[in-house]
Amino acid sequence: MTPQNKGTAQLTTAMMLSGTLGVFVVESGAPPFDVVFFRVLFGALALGGYVAARGWFRNHGFTRRTLGLAVLGGVFIVFNWVLLFQSYENTSISVATVVYHTQPFYVVLLGALLFRERLTAARVGWIALAFAGLILVSGVTPADFTGGGAYLTGIGQALLAALLYGLSTLVTKRITGVRPHLIALVQVLVGIPLLLPFADFGAMRGTGWDWGWLAGLGLLHTGVMYVLMYAAYAQLPTSKIAVLAFVYPAVAMVMDWAVYGHHIGLVQALGVPLIVTASLKVTLARPRAAAPAPRTAGHGQEAASRPATPAACEA
């Protein structure tokens, strides 16, 4: 098997795992803050064990500045997960995942706003097309605005989650000389003390076998998935990474239908190709900025132009 074929298999597997995340969250039955707390706890154990086994704690490459950036990125990532999981409750896994997949556009807009990265007319046009698709996918009607309600709140939570992910991406792209696994480990470790005050351990009494779903979120969706992604990024071109990223929402929609009977309507489905096409155009556009953003070492979403929390739009 060639390195590129191996990388394709690894990233496809990682994105398929990511697509099952919503089912693990819902089946755990735990409140979103508790879900994320135990995800980062089990995820830290998985990533920490892998990093220790590879001997990467030696010569880690962190400086005071890059460690601070990793911590800041972790704050954004942790609350991004909380909002996304809350969105599952208020909308559906399918709708929340597609809306959340607007992350690449926030990266472009935030880069232009915060770091004066060049924003071309073509990119503005593709972003406008994507948000037209977003309106269709959301299925929001005027009645939702007049009556409020959980559904509109859920759409807002998914959009805010995507915004926080975009902020984490921009922060993490400015970390150089550090393995992405170490950056990801710092980010999940940050979540433990950060979420501890919000965790409702009383709600976990009687969880029983549902602990398996929570452990899976940390061990599979944070440990195994990240290791597969980072290995794949080092072997694949950006174009293939961008395309394979859409395995994630596709699998999430199939799982939502197969397990819960949820599916998006015909009008909503019309918005999906608009978001997919615009995302690919924005992601694959050749940057014209004079100075490209620094890259993390060895990450290929997540390392080449992707942060330690995989920019293949992983959840």
Protein backbone atom coordinates (compact mmCIF):
# COMPACT_ATOMS: atom_id res chain seq x y z
CA MET A 1 0.00 0.00 0.00
CA THR A 2 1.40 3.39 -0.99
CA PRO A 3 1.74 6.12 1.68
CA GLN A 4 -1.07 8.13 0.05
CA ASN A 5 -3.43 5.15 -0.04
CA LYS A 6 -2.58 4.42 3.58
CA GLY A 7 -3.24 8.06 4.49
CA THR A 8 -6.55 7.97 2.62
CA ALA A 9 -7.63 4.87 4.56
CA GLN A 10 -6.56 6.45 7.87
CA LEU A 11 -8.35 9.73 7.28
CA THR A 12 -11.49 8.02 5.96
CA THR A 13 -11.58 5.87 9.09
CA ALA A 14 -11.06 8.93 11.30
CA MET A 15 -13.86 10.87 9.58
CA MET A 16 -16.20 7.87 9.83
CA LEU A 17 -15.46 7.71 13.55
CA SER A 18 -16.18 11.43 13.81
CA GLY A 19 -19.52 10.86 12.10
CA THR A 20 -20.61 8.51 14.90
CA LEU A 21 -19.79 11.02 17.63
CA GLY A 22 -23.34 12.38 17.85
CA VAL A 23 -24.75 8.93 18.59
CA PHE A 24 -22.23 8.43 21.42
CA VAL A 25 -23.17 11.82 22.87
CA VAL A 26 -26.92 11.19 22.76
CA GLU A 27 -26.73 7.56 23.95
CA SER A 28 -24.62 8.51 26.96
CA GLY A 29 -27.65 10.34 28.34
CA ALA A 30 -25.40 12.77 30.20
CA PRO A 31 -25.71 16.59 30.17
CA PRO A 32 -23.42 18.31 27.60
CA PHE A 33 -21.00 19.71 30.21
CA ASP A 34 -20.61 16.25 31.74
CA VAL A 35 -20.14 14.67 28.32
CA VAL A 36 -17.34 17.06 27.44
CA PHE A 37 -15.73 16.74 30.87
CA PHE A 38 -15.44 12.97 30.55
CA ARG A 39 -14.43 13.25 26.90
CA VAL A 40 -11.42 15.40 27.83
CA LEU A 41 -10.65 13.19 30.85
CA PHE A 42 -10.62 9.92 28.90
CA GLY A 43 -9.10 11.69 25.89
CA ALA A 44 -6.20 12.99 27.99
CA LEU A 45 -5.51 9.46 29.21
CA ALA A 46 -5.54 8.10 25.65
CA LEU A 47 -3.42 10.84 24.09
CA GLY A 48 -1.10 11.02 27.10
CA GLY A 49 -0.47 7.28 26.94
CA TYR A 50 0.25 7.43 23.21
CA VAL A 51 2.60 10.41 23.53
CA ALA A 52 4.43 8.76 26.44
CA ALA A 53 4.79 5.50 24.50
CA ARG A 54 6.34 7.37 21.59
CA GLY A 55 8.71 9.27 23.88
CA TRP A 56 7.49 12.66 22.70
CA PHE A 57 7.46 14.32 26.10
CA ARG A 58 11.23 14.65 25.73
CA ASN A 59 12.20 17.64 23.61
CA HIS A 60 8.55 18.66 23.40
CA GLY A 61 9.39 22.01 21.78
CA PHE A 62 6.98 24.15 23.81
CA THR A 63 7.96 27.67 24.75
CA ARG A 64 6.06 29.92 27.14
CA ARG A 65 4.39 31.58 24.15
CA THR A 66 3.39 28.42 22.29
CA LEU A 67 2.17 26.74 25.47
CA GLY A 68 -0.01 29.78 26.15
CA LEU A 69 -1.41 29.60 22.62
CA ALA A 70 -2.16 25.89 23.05
CA VAL A 71 -4.00 26.61 26.31
CA LEU A 72 -6.03 29.40 24.67
CA GLY A 73 -6.89 27.10 21.78
CA GLY A 74 -7.99 24.50 24.30
CA VAL A 75 -10.42 26.93 25.92
CA PHE A 76 -12.03 27.57 22.53
CA ILE A 77 -12.14 23.87 21.64
CA VAL A 78 -13.69 22.73 24.92
CA PHE A 79 -16.56 25.22 24.82
CA ASN A 80 -16.96 24.54 21.10
CA TRP A 81 -17.74 20.90 22.01
CA VAL A 82 -20.19 21.94 24.73
CA LEU A 83 -22.14 24.14 22.32
CA LEU A 84 -22.16 21.52 19.57
CA PHE A 85 -23.48 18.84 21.92
CA GLN A 86 -26.16 21.23 23.20
CA SER A 87 -27.11 21.84 19.58
CA TYR A 88 -27.70 18.10 19.10
CA GLU A 89 -30.36 18.30 21.80
CA ASN A 90 -32.12 21.33 20.35
CA THR A 91 -32.02 20.44 16.65
CA SER A 92 -30.74 17.06 15.46
CA ILE A 93 -27.37 15.50 14.82
CA SER A 94 -27.80 16.02 11.05
CA VAL A 95 -28.74 19.70 11.15
CA ALA A 96 -26.22 20.58 13.87
CA THR A 97 -23.38 18.82 12.02
CA VAL A 98 -24.04 20.50 8.67
CA VAL A 99 -24.40 23.93 10.28
CA TYR A 100 -21.20 23.28 12.27
CA HIS A 101 -19.42 22.50 9.02
CA THR A 102 -19.32 26.24 8.23
CA GLN A 103 -16.07 26.34 10.23
CA PRO A 104 -13.78 26.99 7.21
CA PHE A 105 -15.62 30.21 6.43
CA TYR A 106 -15.15 31.53 9.94
CA VAL A 107 -11.42 30.80 9.65
CA VAL A 108 -11.25 32.93 6.50
CA LEU A 109 -13.37 35.77 7.92
CA LEU A 110 -11.57 35.82 11.27
CA GLY A 111 -8.19 35.73 9.53
CA ALA A 112 -9.16 38.82 7.53
CA LEU A 113 -10.58 40.59 10.57
CA LEU A 114 -7.93 39.76 13.16
CA PHE A 115 -4.77 39.27 11.11
CA ARG A 116 -5.52 41.30 7.97
CA GLU A 117 -5.24 38.27 5.74
CA ARG A 118 -6.32 39.07 2.20
CA LEU A 119 -10.01 38.40 1.49
CA THR A 120 -10.63 38.20 -2.26
CA ALA A 121 -13.92 38.93 -3.99
CA ALA A 122 -14.10 35.28 -5.05
CA ARG A 123 -13.85 34.07 -1.46
CA VAL A 124 -16.51 36.54 -0.35
CA GLY A 125 -18.76 35.17 -3.08
CA TRP A 126 -18.23 31.54 -2.02
CA ILE A 127 -18.83 32.42 1.62
CA ALA A 128 -22.08 34.17 0.66
CA LEU A 129 -23.12 31.04 -1.27
CA ALA A 130 -22.32 28.86 1.73
CA PHE A 131 -24.46 30.94 4.05
CA ALA A 132 -27.30 30.81 1.53
CA GLY A 133 -26.95 27.04 1.81
CA LEU A 134 -26.87 27.40 5.58
CA ILE A 135 -30.23 29.19 5.55
CA LEU A 136 -31.72 26.33 3.55
CA VAL A 137 -30.20 23.61 5.72
CA SER A 138 -31.26 25.24 8.98
CA GLY A 139 -34.91 25.09 8.00
CA VAL A 140 -35.58 28.17 10.13
CA THR A 141 -38.89 29.90 9.37
CA PRO A 142 -40.19 33.36 10.40
CA ALA A 143 -42.25 31.61 13.07
CA ASP A 144 -39.06 30.44 14.75
CA PHE A 145 -37.98 34.06 15.23
CA THR A 146 -41.30 35.23 16.61
CA GLY A 147 -41.80 32.26 18.88
CA GLY A 148 -38.20 31.70 19.94
CA GLY A 149 -37.88 28.07 20.88
CA ALA A 150 -35.22 25.42 21.22
CA TYR A 151 -34.68 24.84 17.50
CA LEU A 152 -33.52 28.38 16.78
CA THR A 153 -31.33 28.24 19.90
CA GLY A 154 -29.78 25.01 18.61
CA ILE A 155 -28.91 26.60 15.25
CA GLY A 156 -27.26 29.47 17.10
CA GLN A 157 -25.32 27.06 19.29
CA ALA A 158 -23.95 25.20 16.25
CA LEU A 159 -22.93 28.49 14.62
CA LEU A 160 -21.22 29.69 17.80
CA ALA A 161 -19.48 26.31 18.12
CA ALA A 162 -18.15 26.74 14.58
CA LEU A 163 -16.95 30.25 15.46
CA LEU A 164 -15.04 28.98 18.50
CA TYR A 165 -13.52 26.22 16.39
CA GLY A 166 -12.40 28.85 13.88
CA LEU A 167 -10.74 30.84 16.66
CA SER A 168 -8.95 27.72 17.88
CA THR A 169 -7.78 27.01 14.35
CA LEU A 170 -6.27 30.48 13.93
CA VAL A 171 -4.57 30.32 17.34
CA THR A 172 -3.15 26.84 16.80
CA LYS A 173 -1.83 27.63 13.32
CA ARG A 174 0.56 30.03 15.01
CA ILE A 175 2.25 27.29 17.02
CA THR A 176 5.45 26.03 15.41
CA GLY A 177 7.94 23.33 16.31
CA VAL A 178 5.54 21.23 18.41
CA ARG A 179 3.97 17.89 17.50
CA PRO A 180 0.21 18.19 16.99
CA HIS A 181 -0.40 15.30 19.40
CA LEU A 182 1.20 17.36 22.18
CA ILE A 183 -0.88 20.42 21.30
CA ALA A 184 -4.05 18.32 21.34
CA LEU A 185 -3.02 16.81 24.69
CA VAL A 186 -2.60 20.28 26.21
CA GLN A 187 -6.00 21.30 24.86
CA VAL A 188 -7.86 18.38 26.42
CA LEU A 189 -5.94 18.74 29.69
CA VAL A 190 -7.09 22.38 29.84
CA GLY A 191 -10.66 21.15 29.71
CA ILE A 192 -10.43 19.17 32.95
CA PRO A 193 -10.10 22.10 35.41
CA LEU A 194 -12.06 24.37 33.07
CA LEU A 195 -15.18 22.17 33.07
CA LEU A 196 -14.92 20.82 36.61
CA PRO A 197 -17.05 23.66 38.10
CA PHE A 198 -19.79 23.04 35.51
CA ALA A 199 -19.91 19.24 35.74
CA ASP A 200 -22.96 17.81 37.49
CA PHE A 201 -21.69 14.57 38.98
CA GLY A 202 -25.01 14.00 40.71
CA ALA A 203 -26.59 13.54 37.28
CA MET A 204 -24.15 10.70 36.63
CA ARG A 205 -25.60 8.42 39.34
CA GLY A 206 -27.08 5.33 37.79
CA THR A 207 -25.25 5.88 34.51
CA GLY A 208 -24.29 2.19 34.42
CA TRP A 209 -23.35 0.84 31.03
CA ASP A 210 -23.68 4.34 29.54
CA TRP A 211 -20.17 4.95 30.85
CA GLY A 212 -19.06 2.97 27.82
CA TRP A 213 -20.36 5.71 25.53
CA LEU A 214 -18.48 8.37 27.51
CA ALA A 215 -15.28 6.33 27.53
CA GLY A 216 -15.66 5.85 23.77
CA LEU A 217 -15.81 9.60 23.23
CA GLY A 218 -12.43 9.98 24.89
CA LEU A 219 -10.66 6.82 23.78
CA LEU A 220 -12.06 6.52 20.24
CA HIS A 221 -13.19 10.00 19.19
CA THR A 222 -10.29 11.83 20.82
CA GLY A 223 -7.46 9.31 21.15
CA VAL A 224 -7.71 6.93 18.18
CA MET A 225 -9.32 9.46 15.85
CA TYR A 226 -6.69 12.15 16.38
CA VAL A 227 -3.81 9.69 15.97
CA LEU A 228 -5.29 8.48 12.66
CA MET A 229 -5.86 12.03 11.42
CA TYR A 230 -2.40 13.26 12.25
CA ALA A 231 -0.82 10.24 10.57
CA ALA A 232 -2.94 10.83 7.47
CA TYR A 233 -2.25 14.55 7.23
CA ALA A 234 1.47 13.90 6.90
CA GLN A 235 0.85 11.75 3.79
CA LEU A 236 -1.98 13.52 1.96
CA PRO A 237 -2.23 16.71 -0.10
CA THR A 238 -4.57 19.45 1.10
CA SER A 239 -6.97 18.76 -1.78
CA LYS A 240 -7.59 15.18 -0.67
CA ILE A 241 -7.89 16.19 2.99
CA ALA A 242 -10.52 18.78 2.07
CA VAL A 243 -12.59 16.25 0.13
CA LEU A 244 -12.35 13.47 2.71
CA ALA A 245 -13.43 15.92 5.43
CA PHE A 246 -16.98 15.61 4.09
CA VAL A 247 -17.09 11.94 5.06
CA TYR A 248 -17.77 13.23 8.59
CA PRO A 249 -21.09 15.05 7.99
CA ALA A 250 -22.20 12.37 5.50
CA VAL A 251 -21.75 9.59 8.07
CA ALA A 252 -23.34 11.75 10.79
CA MET A 253 -26.46 12.23 8.67
CA VAL A 254 -26.68 8.51 7.88
CA MET A 255 -26.26 7.61 11.56
CA ASP A 256 -28.91 10.12 12.60
CA TRP A 257 -31.35 8.56 10.14
CA ALA A 258 -30.44 4.93 10.89
CA VAL A 259 -30.50 5.23 14.70
CA TYR A 260 -33.07 7.96 15.38
CA GLY A 261 -35.06 8.21 12.16
CA HIS A 262 -34.09 11.88 11.73
CA HIS A 263 -33.49 13.24 8.26
CA ILE A 264 -33.39 16.66 6.70
CA GLY A 265 -36.17 17.70 4.34
CA LEU A 266 -35.93 18.24 0.59
CA VAL A 267 -35.51 22.02 0.82
CA GLN A 268 -32.89 21.60 3.54
CA ALA A 269 -31.04 19.06 1.39
CA LEU A 270 -30.68 21.66 -1.37
CA GLY A 271 -28.41 23.66 0.91
CA VAL A 272 -25.91 20.83 1.48
CA PRO A 273 -24.22 20.93 -1.97
CA LEU A 274 -23.96 24.73 -1.70
CA ILE A 275 -22.02 24.43 1.57
CA VAL A 276 -19.88 21.54 0.27
CA THR A 277 -18.97 23.32 -2.98
CA ALA A 278 -18.21 26.63 -1.29
CA SER A 279 -16.16 24.94 1.43
CA LEU A 280 -13.99 23.15 -1.13
CA LYS A 281 -13.51 26.35 -3.13
CA VAL A 282 -12.50 28.34 -0.06
CA THR A 283 -10.28 25.59 1.38
CA LEU A 284 -8.46 24.86 -1.87
CA ALA A 285 -8.05 28.46 -3.04
CA ARG A 286 -4.40 29.43 -3.34
CA PRO A 287 -3.56 32.05 -0.73
CA ARG A 288 -2.16 35.30 -2.07
CA ALA A 289 -1.00 36.70 1.22
CA ALA A 290 2.65 37.61 1.34
CA ALA A 291 3.37 35.66 4.51
CA PRO A 292 1.62 32.36 5.08
CA ALA A 293 0.67 31.38 8.59
CA PRO A 294 3.15 29.16 10.46
CA ARG A 295 2.43 25.46 10.49
CA THR A 296 2.55 22.96 13.28
CA ALA A 297 5.19 20.30 12.90
CA GLY A 298 4.04 16.93 11.64
CA HIS A 299 0.31 17.60 11.69
CA GLY A 300 -0.31 17.63 7.98
CA GLN A 301 -5.99 19.58 10.16
CA GLU A 302 -4.89 19.75 11.02
CA ALA A 303 -0.45 19.70 10.27
CA ALA A 304 -0.09 21.33 6.99
CA SER A 305 -2.62 24.08 7.20
CA ARG A 306 -4.62 22.46 9.92
CA PRO A 307 -4.42 22.92 13.66
CA ALA A 308 -3.99 20.43 16.41
CA THR A 309 -7.66 20.11 16.62
CA PRO A 310 -8.15 18.84 13.18
CA ALA A 311 -9.27 21.31 10.63
CA ALA A 312 -10.81 18.63 8.58
CA CYS A 313 -13.77 20.00 10.48
CA GLU A 314 -13.59 17.31 13.08
CA ALA A 315 -15.90 17.64 16.06
